[in-house]
Amino acid sequence: MIFPEWTTGNIILYGFLAVVAISVGPLEYFGQAMMAYSKFRPSSGISTRTGMVILYATPLIALVTSALPYLSNPTTIQLIVFASVFIHFAKRVLESLFLHKYSGPISVFTTLMIASFYSLAAFLVGYLNREPFQSMDAWFYIGIVLFVIGIIGNFNQHKALANLRKDSMEYKIPRGGLFEYVVCPHYLFEIITWLGIFLLSRHLGALLVLAFIIAYLSARSIRTLAWYREKFKDFPTGRKGIFPFVL
């Protein structure tokens, strides 16, 4: 793994990222920093579709900005790392525009908060990619495989959720596939996507981004599971939040 030069600026930056990664899970779980969208949407705000496009498009701008010095003549590793992050966020923009079924608003605060973190994450991975890991070793190829699995799996779960609301905006209990084991398999595949990106990048900054994603999505999946259990009295008792048989 590649560690940064421990200048004052890097100590502050990585210290901030570490604190955020450690604290976001408990804050989300206990409702102190709950992002107000989807099932936890507010009573007022902006269009969820608009908010989602904003919060996924801004990281694309941040990524391209950070990668400008090497985009004209990238190495193979630089190109793969850049493409992985770009594909992830571009996919989320397209899903927000054409796939997801939204009901209710998203708060402006939530939009700005998520856009800010994702933009920081994309910029950081793109910036660190200026000095890429120098070897396409076995872990690098594992990263490619995990990234592809994560992207495809995440899309398939999003498509299944969208199909549930094809004829009605009412929430239903998801059935079939991984939904029989966890309530948020789309979160699980997003974690797999970011694990793949970390193995491609191999920078400490990418690891901290992965830690944040795991903590945040795990906590949110627990809250989502509790929401389903409260809303549907016939909700399957053995179903977990995000990791089958575990959490």
Foldseek 3Di string as FASTA:
>chain_A
DDEDDPDVVVCVVVVVLLVLLVPQQVCCLVVVDPFAFDPNHDQDAAAALVLQLLLLVLLLVLLCVLQVVCPVPHDPLLVVLSVLLNVVSVVSNCCSVPPADGDHHGHPVSSVVSSVVSNVLSNVLSNLSVPADDDCDPLLVVLVVLLVQLVVQLVVVSNQQSVCPVPHPDHDQRDDDCSVFAVCQSLLSVLSNLSSSCSSRVYPSSVSVSSNSVSNQQSVQQVVVVVCVVVDVPHDPNHHRHDGPPD
